[in-house]
Structures are given as C-alpha cells and as structure tokens.
Amino acid sequence: MLNKIVLSMASLRLMSGTIEICAALLMLKLNQIDKSLIINSSLAFVGPVVLLATTTIGLVGMADKLSPAKFTWVAIGIICLMVGILKK
C-alpha cells in the first residue's frame, strides 16, 4: 500500500509534468514566438509552486521524525533555494 504523503507528492509532480507537456504541445500548435514566450513565462510560476508544495507535504509527513534543529536546517535550505530561484 502506498504512503499517502508519497502519493500526494508524486501526484503533484505528475500534474506538474502534465502541465509542462500540455504547454509544449500548445506552443507547437500556436507556432508563434510571442505566444510561446507567454506560455513559457507562465510555466516559470508553476515550478517553484510545485517545489514548495511537495516539500511542504514531505516535511509535514516527517515532522514527528525531525528534531527542531534539523527542521530549522531544512527550512534554511528551502529559503536558500527560493532566493536562488526567484532572485532577479
């Protein structure tokens, strides 16, 4: 039997991948650079949101196994990732 936390994380990743594939197919169908850039820019929002959601679900699932110190280190790591991804 699959763990509910793992199933939730995997489902979010499958949804994200499906969105990416649909966006690529839409770009091919439209065959216009300007519209493809708009679609691509929209995808820039999806990646970080999925990363945060899957990480949050995973951390909630492990909350009882992590000490406060380890949880703090994980939180710092996530903040560093987000700064690196979102910094202009």
PDB file of N, CA and C in Angstrom:
ATOM      1  N   MET A   1       0.844  -1.186   0.000  1.00  0.00           N
ATOM      2  CA  MET A   1       0.000   0.000   0.000  1.00  0.00           C
ATOM      3  C   MET A   1       0.888   1.247   0.000  1.00  0.00           C
ATOM      4  N   LEU A   2       0.520   2.217  -0.816  1.00  0.00           N
ATOM      5  CA  LEU A   2       1.304   3.445  -0.922  1.00  0.00           C
ATOM      6  C   LEU A   2       1.041   4.370   0.258  1.00  0.00           C
ATOM      7  N   ASN A   3       2.107   5.013   0.680  1.00  0.00           N
ATOM      8  CA  ASN A   3       2.010   6.024   1.713  1.00  0.00           C
ATOM      9  C   ASN A   3       1.261   7.234   1.148  1.00  0.00           C
ATOM     10  N   LYS A   4       0.315   7.790   1.907  1.00  0.00           N
ATOM     11  CA  LYS A   4      -0.491   8.916   1.433  1.00  0.00           C
ATOM     12  C   LYS A   4       0.362  10.149   1.135  1.00  0.00           C
ATOM     13  N   ILE A   5       1.387  10.361   1.939  1.00  0.00           N
ATOM     14  CA  ILE A   5       2.270  11.518   1.733  1.00  0.00           C
ATOM     15  C   ILE A   5       3.029  11.363   0.415  1.00  0.00           C
ATOM     16  N   VAL A   6       3.589  10.173   0.203  1.00  0.00           N
ATOM     17  CA  VAL A   6       4.336   9.912  -1.031  1.00  0.00           C
ATOM     18  C   VAL A   6       3.405  10.007  -2.238  1.00  0.00           C
ATOM     19  N   LEU A   7       2.203   9.479  -2.121  1.00  0.00           N
ATOM     20  CA  LEU A   7       1.224   9.548  -3.205  1.00  0.00           C
ATOM     21  C   LEU A   7       0.874  11.004  -3.529  1.00  0.00           C
ATOM     22  N   SER A   8       0.711  11.823  -2.506  1.00  0.00           N
ATOM     23  CA  SER A   8       0.415  13.247  -2.726  1.00  0.00           C
ATOM     24  C   SER A   8       1.567  13.953  -3.427  1.00  0.00           C
ATOM     25  N   MET A   9       2.787  13.685  -2.978  1.00  0.00           N
ATOM     26  CA  MET A   9       3.959  14.316  -3.591  1.00  0.00           C
ATOM     27  C   MET A   9       4.098  13.882  -5.053  1.00  0.00           C
ATOM     28  N   ALA A  10       3.938  12.598  -5.311  1.00  0.00           N
ATOM     29  CA  ALA A  10       4.063  12.085  -6.675  1.00  0.00           C
ATOM     30  C   ALA A  10       2.948  12.634  -7.568  1.00  0.00           C
ATOM     31  N   SER A  11       1.753  12.760  -7.025  1.00  0.00           N
ATOM     32  CA  SER A  11       0.634  13.297  -7.800  1.00  0.00           C
ATOM     33  C   SER A  11       0.889  14.741  -8.216  1.00  0.00           C
ATOM     34  N   LEU A  12       1.434  15.535  -7.312  1.00  0.00           N
ATOM     35  CA  LEU A  12       1.771  16.919  -7.663  1.00  0.00           C
ATOM     36  C   LEU A  12       2.818  16.965  -8.769  1.00  0.00           C
ATOM     37  N   ARG A  13       3.810  16.099  -8.690  1.00  0.00           N
ATOM     38  CA  ARG A  13       4.852  16.058  -9.723  1.00  0.00           C
ATOM     39  C   ARG A  13       4.282  15.597 -11.067  1.00  0.00           C
ATOM     40  N   LEU A  14       3.378  14.617 -11.049  1.00  0.00           N
ATOM     41  CA  LEU A  14       2.737  14.179 -12.288  1.00  0.00           C
ATOM     42  C   LEU A  14       1.894  15.296 -12.891  1.00  0.00           C
ATOM     43  N   MET A  15       1.187  16.029 -12.031  1.00  0.00           N
ATOM     44  CA  MET A  15       0.390  17.159 -12.507  1.00  0.00           C
ATOM     45  C   MET A  15       1.286  18.226 -13.126  1.00  0.00           C
ATOM     46  N   SER A  16       2.394  18.500 -12.482  1.00  0.00           N
ATOM     47  CA  SER A  16       3.338  19.490 -12.991  1.00  0.00           C
ATOM     48  C   SER A  16       3.898  19.064 -14.346  1.00  0.00           C
ATOM     49  N   GLY A  17       4.258  17.805 -14.459  1.00  0.00           N
ATOM     50  CA  GLY A  17       4.775  17.292 -15.730  1.00  0.00           C
ATOM     51  C   GLY A  17       3.737  17.349 -16.836  1.00  0.00           C
ATOM     52  N   THR A  18       2.490  17.061 -16.479  1.00  0.00           N
ATOM     53  CA  THR A  18       1.406  17.128 -17.461  1.00  0.00           C
ATOM     54  C   THR A  18       1.200  18.557 -17.948  1.00  0.00           C
ATOM     55  N   ILE A  19       1.277  19.499 -17.028  1.00  0.00           N
ATOM     56  CA  ILE A  19       1.159  20.920 -17.407  1.00  0.00           C
ATOM     57  C   ILE A  19       2.282  21.302 -18.360  1.00  0.00           C
ATOM     58  N   GLU A  20       3.495  20.854 -18.075  1.00  0.00           N
ATOM     59  CA  GLU A  20       4.644  21.162 -18.933  1.00  0.00           C
ATOM     60  C   GLU A  20       4.459  20.582 -20.344  1.00  0.00           C
ATOM     61  N   ILE A  21       4.009  19.329 -20.420  1.00  0.00           N
ATOM     62  CA  ILE A  21       3.807  18.693 -21.727  1.00  0.00           C
ATOM     63  C   ILE A  21       2.688  19.398 -22.498  1.00  0.00           C
ATOM     64  N   CYS A  22       1.597  19.713 -21.822  1.00  0.00           N
ATOM     65  CA  CYS A  22       0.489  20.430 -22.483  1.00  0.00           C
ATOM     66  C   CYS A  22       0.948  21.795 -22.981  1.00  0.00           C
ATOM     67  N   ALA A  23       1.770  22.478 -22.205  1.00  0.00           N
ATOM     68  CA  ALA A  23       2.281  23.781 -22.624  1.00  0.00           C
ATOM     69  C   ALA A  23       3.151  23.644 -23.870  1.00  0.00           C
ATOM     70  N   ALA A  24       3.982  22.617 -23.907  1.00  0.00           N
ATOM     71  CA  ALA A  24       4.834  22.397 -25.086  1.00  0.00           C
ATOM     72  C   ALA A  24       3.987  22.107 -26.320  1.00  0.00           C
ATOM     73  N   LEU A  25       2.967  21.287 -26.161  1.00  0.00           N
ATOM     74  CA  LEU A  25       2.083  20.980 -27.289  1.00  0.00           C
ATOM     75  C   LEU A  25       1.330  22.224 -27.757  1.00  0.00           C
ATOM     76  N   LEU A  26       0.921  23.054 -26.810  1.00  0.00           N
ATOM     77  CA  LEU A  26       0.234  24.301 -27.164  1.00  0.00           C
ATOM     78  C   LEU A  26       1.169  25.244 -27.925  1.00  0.00           C
ATOM     79  N   MET A  27       2.422  25.308 -27.494  1.00  0.00           N
ATOM     80  CA  MET A  27       3.408  26.128 -28.213  1.00  0.00           C
ATOM     81  C   MET A  27       3.542  25.655 -29.659  1.00  0.00           C
ATOM     82  N   LEU A  28       3.621  24.342 -29.827  1.00  0.00           N
ATOM     83  CA  LEU A  28       3.744  23.792 -31.185  1.00  0.00           C
ATOM     84  C   LEU A  28       2.503  24.087 -32.020  1.00  0.00           C
ATOM     85  N   LYS A  29       1.343  23.977 -31.402  1.00  0.00           N
ATOM     86  CA  LYS A  29       0.095  24.226 -32.125  1.00  0.00           C
ATOM     87  C   LYS A  29      -0.025  25.694 -32.547  1.00  0.00           C
ATOM     88  N   LEU A  30       0.308  26.611 -31.627  1.00  0.00           N
ATOM     89  CA  LEU A  30       0.184  28.033 -31.930  1.00  0.00           C
ATOM     90  C   LEU A  30       1.231  28.496 -32.937  1.00  0.00           C
ATOM     91  N   ASN A  31       2.434  27.924 -32.834  1.00  0.00           N
ATOM     92  CA  ASN A  31       3.516  28.214 -33.776  1.00  0.00           C
ATOM     93  C   ASN A  31       3.821  29.712 -33.904  1.00  0.00           C
ATOM     94  N   GLN A  32       3.770  30.419 -32.771  1.00  0.00           N
ATOM     95  CA  GLN A  32       4.072  31.858 -32.745  1.00  0.00           C
ATOM     96  C   GLN A  32       5.019  32.126 -31.584  1.00  0.00           C
ATOM     97  N   ILE A  33       6.081  32.852 -31.880  1.00  0.00           N
ATOM     98  CA  ILE A  33       7.106  33.114 -30.863  1.00  0.00           C
ATOM     99  C   ILE A  33       6.537  33.895 -29.690  1.00  0.00           C
ATOM    100  N   ASP A  34       5.780  34.950 -29.957  1.00  0.00           N
ATOM    101  CA  ASP A  34       5.271  35.788 -28.868  1.00  0.00           C
ATOM    102  C   ASP A  34       4.343  35.017 -27.928  1.00  0.00           C
ATOM    103  N   LYS A  35       3.467  34.214 -28.490  1.00  0.00           N
ATOM    104  CA  LYS A  35       2.559  33.414 -27.650  1.00  0.00           C
ATOM    105  C   LYS A  35       3.310  32.310 -26.911  1.00  0.00           C
ATOM    106  N   SER A  36       4.323  31.750 -27.550  1.00  0.00           N
ATOM    107  CA  SER A  36       5.146  30.729 -26.886  1.00  0.00           C
ATOM    108  C   SER A  36       5.909  31.313 -25.706  1.00  0.00           C
ATOM    109  N   LEU A  37       6.369  32.543 -25.846  1.00  0.00           N
ATOM    110  CA  LEU A  37       7.053  33.208 -24.728  1.00  0.00           C
ATOM    111  C   LEU A  37       6.108  33.443 -23.557  1.00  0.00           C
ATOM    112  N   ILE A  38       4.871  33.791 -23.858  1.00  0.00           N
ATOM    113  CA  ILE A  38       3.878  33.996 -22.790  1.00  0.00           C
ATOM    114  C   ILE A  38       3.623  32.675 -22.060  1.00  0.00           C
ATOM    115  N   ILE A  39       3.465  31.605 -22.815  1.00  0.00           N
ATOM    116  CA  ILE A  39       3.247  30.282 -22.218  1.00  0.00           C
ATOM    117  C   ILE A  39       4.452  29.891 -21.370  1.00  0.00           C
ATOM    118  N   ASN A  40       5.637  30.092 -21.902  1.00  0.00           N
ATOM    119  CA  ASN A  40       6.863  29.748 -21.177  1.00  0.00           C
ATOM    120  C   ASN A  40       6.995  30.558 -19.889  1.00  0.00           C
ATOM    121  N   SER A  41       6.661  31.824 -19.954  1.00  0.00           N
ATOM    122  CA  SER A  41       6.725  32.672 -18.761  1.00  0.00           C
ATOM    123  C   SER A  41       5.743  32.208 -17.699  1.00  0.00           C
ATOM    124  N   SER A  42       4.586  31.745 -18.128  1.00  0.00           N
ATOM    125  CA  SER A  42       3.597  31.231 -17.177  1.00  0.00           C
ATOM    126  C   SER A  42       4.121  29.986 -16.460  1.00  0.00           C
ATOM    127  N   LEU A  43       4.898  29.184 -17.167  1.00  0.00           N
ATOM    128  CA  LEU A  43       5.456  27.978 -16.559  1.00  0.00           C
ATOM    129  C   LEU A  43       6.488  28.299 -15.482  1.00  0.00           C
ATOM    130  N   ALA A  44       7.086  29.476 -15.559  1.00  0.00           N
ATOM    131  CA  ALA A  44       8.081  29.866 -14.556  1.00  0.00           C
ATOM    132  C   ALA A  44       7.451  29.957 -13.170  1.00  0.00           C
ATOM    133  N   PHE A  45       6.155  30.130 -13.121  1.00  0.00           N
ATOM    134  CA  PHE A  45       5.444  30.196 -11.843  1.00  0.00           C
ATOM    135  C   PHE A  45       5.147  28.793 -11.306  1.00  0.00           C
ATOM    136  N   VAL A  46       4.891  27.860 -12.199  1.00  0.00           N
ATOM    137  CA  VAL A  46       4.481  26.513 -11.805  1.00  0.00           C
ATOM    138  C   VAL A  46       5.592  25.775 -11.048  1.00  0.00           C
ATOM    139  N   GLY A  47       6.823  25.847 -11.551  1.00  0.00           N
ATOM    140  CA  GLY A  47       7.936  25.105 -10.946  1.00  0.00           C
ATOM    141  C   GLY A  47       8.152  25.391  -9.468  1.00  0.00           C
ATOM    142  N   PRO A  48       8.338  26.663  -9.094  1.00  0.00           N
ATOM    143  CA  PRO A  48       8.547  26.967  -7.668  1.00  0.00           C
ATOM    144  C   PRO A  48       7.350  26.614  -6.788  1.00  0.00           C
ATOM    145  N   VAL A  49       6.145  26.777  -7.315  1.00  0.00           N
ATOM    146  CA  VAL A  49       4.952  26.439  -6.525  1.00  0.00           C
ATOM    147  C   VAL A  49       4.910  24.943  -6.243  1.00  0.00           C
ATOM    148  N   VAL A  50       5.198  24.134  -7.259  1.00  0.00           N
ATOM    149  CA  VAL A  50       5.208  22.681  -7.071  1.00  0.00           C
ATOM    150  C   VAL A  50       6.332  22.282  -6.123  1.00  0.00           C
ATOM    151  N   LEU A  51       7.496  22.905  -6.264  1.00  0.00           N
ATOM    152  CA  LEU A  51       8.613  22.624  -5.354  1.00  0.00           C
ATOM    153  C   LEU A  51       8.219  22.892  -3.907  1.00  0.00           C
ATOM    154  N   LEU A  52       7.632  24.051  -3.661  1.00  0.00           N
ATOM    155  CA  LEU A  52       7.213  24.390  -2.293  1.00  0.00           C
ATOM    156  C   LEU A  52       6.130  23.443  -1.784  1.00  0.00           C
ATOM    157  N   ALA A  53       5.169  23.135  -2.632  1.00  0.00           N
ATOM    158  CA  ALA A  53       4.072  22.259  -2.197  1.00  0.00           C
ATOM    159  C   ALA A  53       4.563  20.857  -1.860  1.00  0.00           C
ATOM    160  N   THR A  54       5.376  20.268  -2.735  1.00  0.00           N
ATOM    161  CA  THR A  54       5.860  18.911  -2.467  1.00  0.00           C
ATOM    162  C   THR A  54       6.779  18.879  -1.252  1.00  0.00           C
ATOM    163  N   THR A  55       7.607  19.895  -1.109  1.00  0.00           N
ATOM    164  CA  THR A  55       8.499  19.957   0.054  1.00  0.00           C
ATOM    165  C   THR A  55       7.689  20.116   1.342  1.00  0.00           C
ATOM    166  N   THR A  56       6.672  20.952   1.297  1.00  0.00           N
ATOM    167  CA  THR A  56       5.830  21.153   2.481  1.00  0.00           C
ATOM    168  C   THR A  56       5.124  19.860   2.869  1.00  0.00           C
ATOM    169  N   ILE A  57       4.575  19.169   1.888  1.00  0.00           N
ATOM    170  CA  ILE A  57       3.900  17.894   2.173  1.00  0.00           C
ATOM    171  C   ILE A  57       4.889  16.901   2.779  1.00  0.00           C
ATOM    172  N   GLY A  58       6.084  16.826   2.213  1.00  0.00           N
ATOM    173  CA  GLY A  58       7.103  15.922   2.738  1.00  0.00           C
ATOM    174  C   GLY A  58       7.515  16.267   4.155  1.00  0.00           C
ATOM    175  N   LEU A  59       7.678  17.554   4.418  1.00  0.00           N
ATOM    176  CA  LEU A  59       8.072  17.977   5.763  1.00  0.00           C
ATOM    177  C   LEU A  59       6.973  17.717   6.786  1.00  0.00           C
ATOM    178  N   VAL A  60       5.731  17.921   6.385  1.00  0.00           N
ATOM    179  CA  VAL A  60       4.620  17.625   7.293  1.00  0.00           C
ATOM    180  C   VAL A  60       4.618  16.130   7.620  1.00  0.00           C
ATOM    181  N   GLY A  61       4.896  15.318   6.622  1.00  0.00           N
ATOM    182  CA  GLY A  61       4.949  13.874   6.844  1.00  0.00           C
ATOM    183  C   GLY A  61       6.096  13.438   7.729  1.00  0.00           C
ATOM    184  N   MET A  62       7.174  14.221   7.745  1.00  0.00           N
ATOM    185  CA  MET A  62       8.346  13.873   8.558  1.00  0.00           C
ATOM    186  C   MET A  62       8.446  14.688   9.840  1.00  0.00           C
ATOM    187  N   ALA A  63       7.479  15.532  10.103  1.00  0.00           N
ATOM    188  CA  ALA A  63       7.574  16.459  11.236  1.00  0.00           C
ATOM    189  C   ALA A  63       7.835  15.753  12.557  1.00  0.00           C
ATOM    190  N   ASP A  64       7.249  14.593  12.745  1.00  0.00           N
ATOM    191  CA  ASP A  64       7.439  13.878  14.010  1.00  0.00           C
ATOM    192  C   ASP A  64       8.814  13.213  14.101  1.00  0.00           C
ATOM    193  N   LYS A  65       9.523  13.090  12.978  1.00  0.00           N
ATOM    194  CA  LYS A  65      10.827  12.431  12.957  1.00  0.00           C
ATOM    195  C   LYS A  65      11.993  13.406  12.984  1.00  0.00           C
ATOM    196  N   LEU A  66      11.718  14.690  12.760  1.00  0.00           N
ATOM    197  CA  LEU A  66      12.787  15.695  12.712  1.00  0.00           C
ATOM    198  C   LEU A  66      12.888  16.439  14.035  1.00  0.00           C
ATOM    199  N   SER A  67      14.107  16.619  14.478  1.00  0.00           N
ATOM    200  CA  SER A  67      14.318  17.450  15.659  1.00  0.00           C
ATOM    201  C   SER A  67      14.154  18.910  15.242  1.00  0.00           C
ATOM    202  N   PRO A  68      13.898  19.798  16.194  1.00  0.00           N
ATOM    203  CA  PRO A  68      13.761  21.225  15.841  1.00  0.00           C
ATOM    204  C   PRO A  68      14.996  21.779  15.123  1.00  0.00           C
ATOM    205  N   ALA A  69      16.180  21.325  15.508  1.00  0.00           N
ATOM    206  CA  ALA A  69      17.406  21.805  14.863  1.00  0.00           C
ATOM    207  C   ALA A  69      17.462  21.365  13.400  1.00  0.00           C
ATOM    208  N   LYS A  70      17.136  20.112  13.133  1.00  0.00           N
ATOM    209  CA  LYS A  70      17.141  19.615  11.752  1.00  0.00           C
ATOM    210  C   LYS A  70      16.056  20.297  10.929  1.00  0.00           C
ATOM    211  N   PHE A  71      14.900  20.510  11.537  1.00  0.00           N
ATOM    212  CA  PHE A  71      13.818  21.190  10.844  1.00  0.00           C
ATOM    213  C   PHE A  71      14.241  22.611  10.465  1.00  0.00           C
ATOM    214  N   THR A  72      14.972  23.276  11.336  1.00  0.00           N
ATOM    215  CA  THR A  72      15.478  24.622  11.052  1.00  0.00           C
ATOM    216  C   THR A  72      16.443  24.597   9.877  1.00  0.00           C
ATOM    217  N   TRP A  73      17.343  23.604   9.831  1.00  0.00           N
ATOM    218  CA  TRP A  73      18.279  23.495   8.714  1.00  0.00           C
ATOM    219  C   TRP A  73      17.559  23.249   7.398  1.00  0.00           C
ATOM    220  N   VAL A  74      16.533  22.416   7.429  1.00  0.00           N
ATOM    221  CA  VAL A  74      15.746  22.167   6.216  1.00  0.00           C
ATOM    222  C   VAL A  74      15.064  23.454   5.768  1.00  0.00           C
ATOM    223  N   ALA A  75      14.486  24.195   6.701  1.00  0.00           N
ATOM    224  CA  ALA A  75      13.815  25.460   6.377  1.00  0.00           C
ATOM    225  C   ALA A  75      14.801  26.455   5.768  1.00  0.00           C
ATOM    226  N   ILE A  76      16.005  26.530   6.326  1.00  0.00           N
ATOM    227  CA  ILE A  76      17.032  27.429   5.780  1.00  0.00           C
ATOM    228  C   ILE A  76      17.391  27.011   4.354  1.00  0.00           C
ATOM    229  N   GLY A  77      17.502  25.711   4.123  1.00  0.00           N
ATOM    230  CA  GLY A  77      17.801  25.209   2.780  1.00  0.00           C
ATOM    231  C   GLY A  77      16.713  25.580   1.781  1.00  0.00           C
ATOM    232  N   ILE A  78      15.467  25.461   2.184  1.00  0.00           N
ATOM    233  CA  ILE A  78      14.351  25.818   1.301  1.00  0.00           C
ATOM    234  C   ILE A  78      14.362  27.311   1.002  1.00  0.00           C
ATOM    235  N   ILE A  79      14.641  28.114   2.005  1.00  0.00           N
ATOM    236  CA  ILE A  79      14.724  29.573   1.800  1.00  0.00           C
ATOM    237  C   ILE A  79      15.846  29.893   0.812  1.00  0.00           C
ATOM    238  N   CYS A  80      16.991  29.241   0.947  1.00  0.00           N
ATOM    239  CA  CYS A  80      18.104  29.464   0.021  1.00  0.00           C
ATOM    240  C   CYS A  80      17.711  29.072  -1.411  1.00  0.00           C
ATOM    241  N   LEU A  81      17.017  27.947  -1.558  1.00  0.00           N
ATOM    242  CA  LEU A  81      16.542  27.533  -2.886  1.00  0.00           C
ATOM    243  C   LEU A  81      15.612  28.580  -3.495  1.00  0.00           C
ATOM    244  N   MET A  82      14.679  29.062  -2.702  1.00  0.00           N
ATOM    245  CA  MET A  82      13.711  30.031  -3.213  1.00  0.00           C
ATOM    246  C   MET A  82      14.397  31.353  -3.583  1.00  0.00           C
ATOM    247  N   VAL A  83      15.346  31.789  -2.787  1.00  0.00           N
ATOM    248  CA  VAL A  83      16.085  33.013  -3.125  1.00  0.00           C
ATOM    249  C   VAL A  83      16.838  32.803  -4.427  1.00  0.00           C
ATOM    250  N   GLY A  84      17.452  31.644  -4.593  1.00  0.00           N
ATOM    251  CA  GLY A  84      18.192  31.363  -5.829  1.00  0.00           C
ATOM    252  C   GLY A  84      17.288  31.275  -7.050  1.00  0.00           C
ATOM    253  N   ILE A  85      16.100  30.725  -6.872  1.00  0.00           N
ATOM    254  CA  ILE A  85      15.179  30.573  -7.990  1.00  0.00           C
ATOM    255  C   ILE A  85      14.522  31.896  -8.357  1.00  0.00           C
ATOM    256  N   LEU A  86      14.101  32.642  -7.366  1.00  0.00           N
ATOM    257  CA  LEU A  86      13.287  33.835  -7.613  1.00  0.00           C
ATOM    258  C   LEU A  86      14.079  35.136  -7.726  1.00  0.00           C
ATOM    259  N   LYS A  87      15.360  35.101  -7.354  1.00  0.00           N
ATOM    260  CA  LYS A  87      16.152  36.336  -7.420  1.00  0.00           C
ATOM    261  C   LYS A  87      16.357  36.761  -8.867  1.00  0.00           C
ATOM    262  N   LYS A  88      16.152  38.039  -9.106  1.00  0.00           N
ATOM    263  CA  LYS A  88      16.281  38.560 -10.484  1.00  0.00           C
ATOM    264  C   LYS A  88      17.653  39.087 -10.756  1.00  0.00           C
TER     265      LYS A  88
END
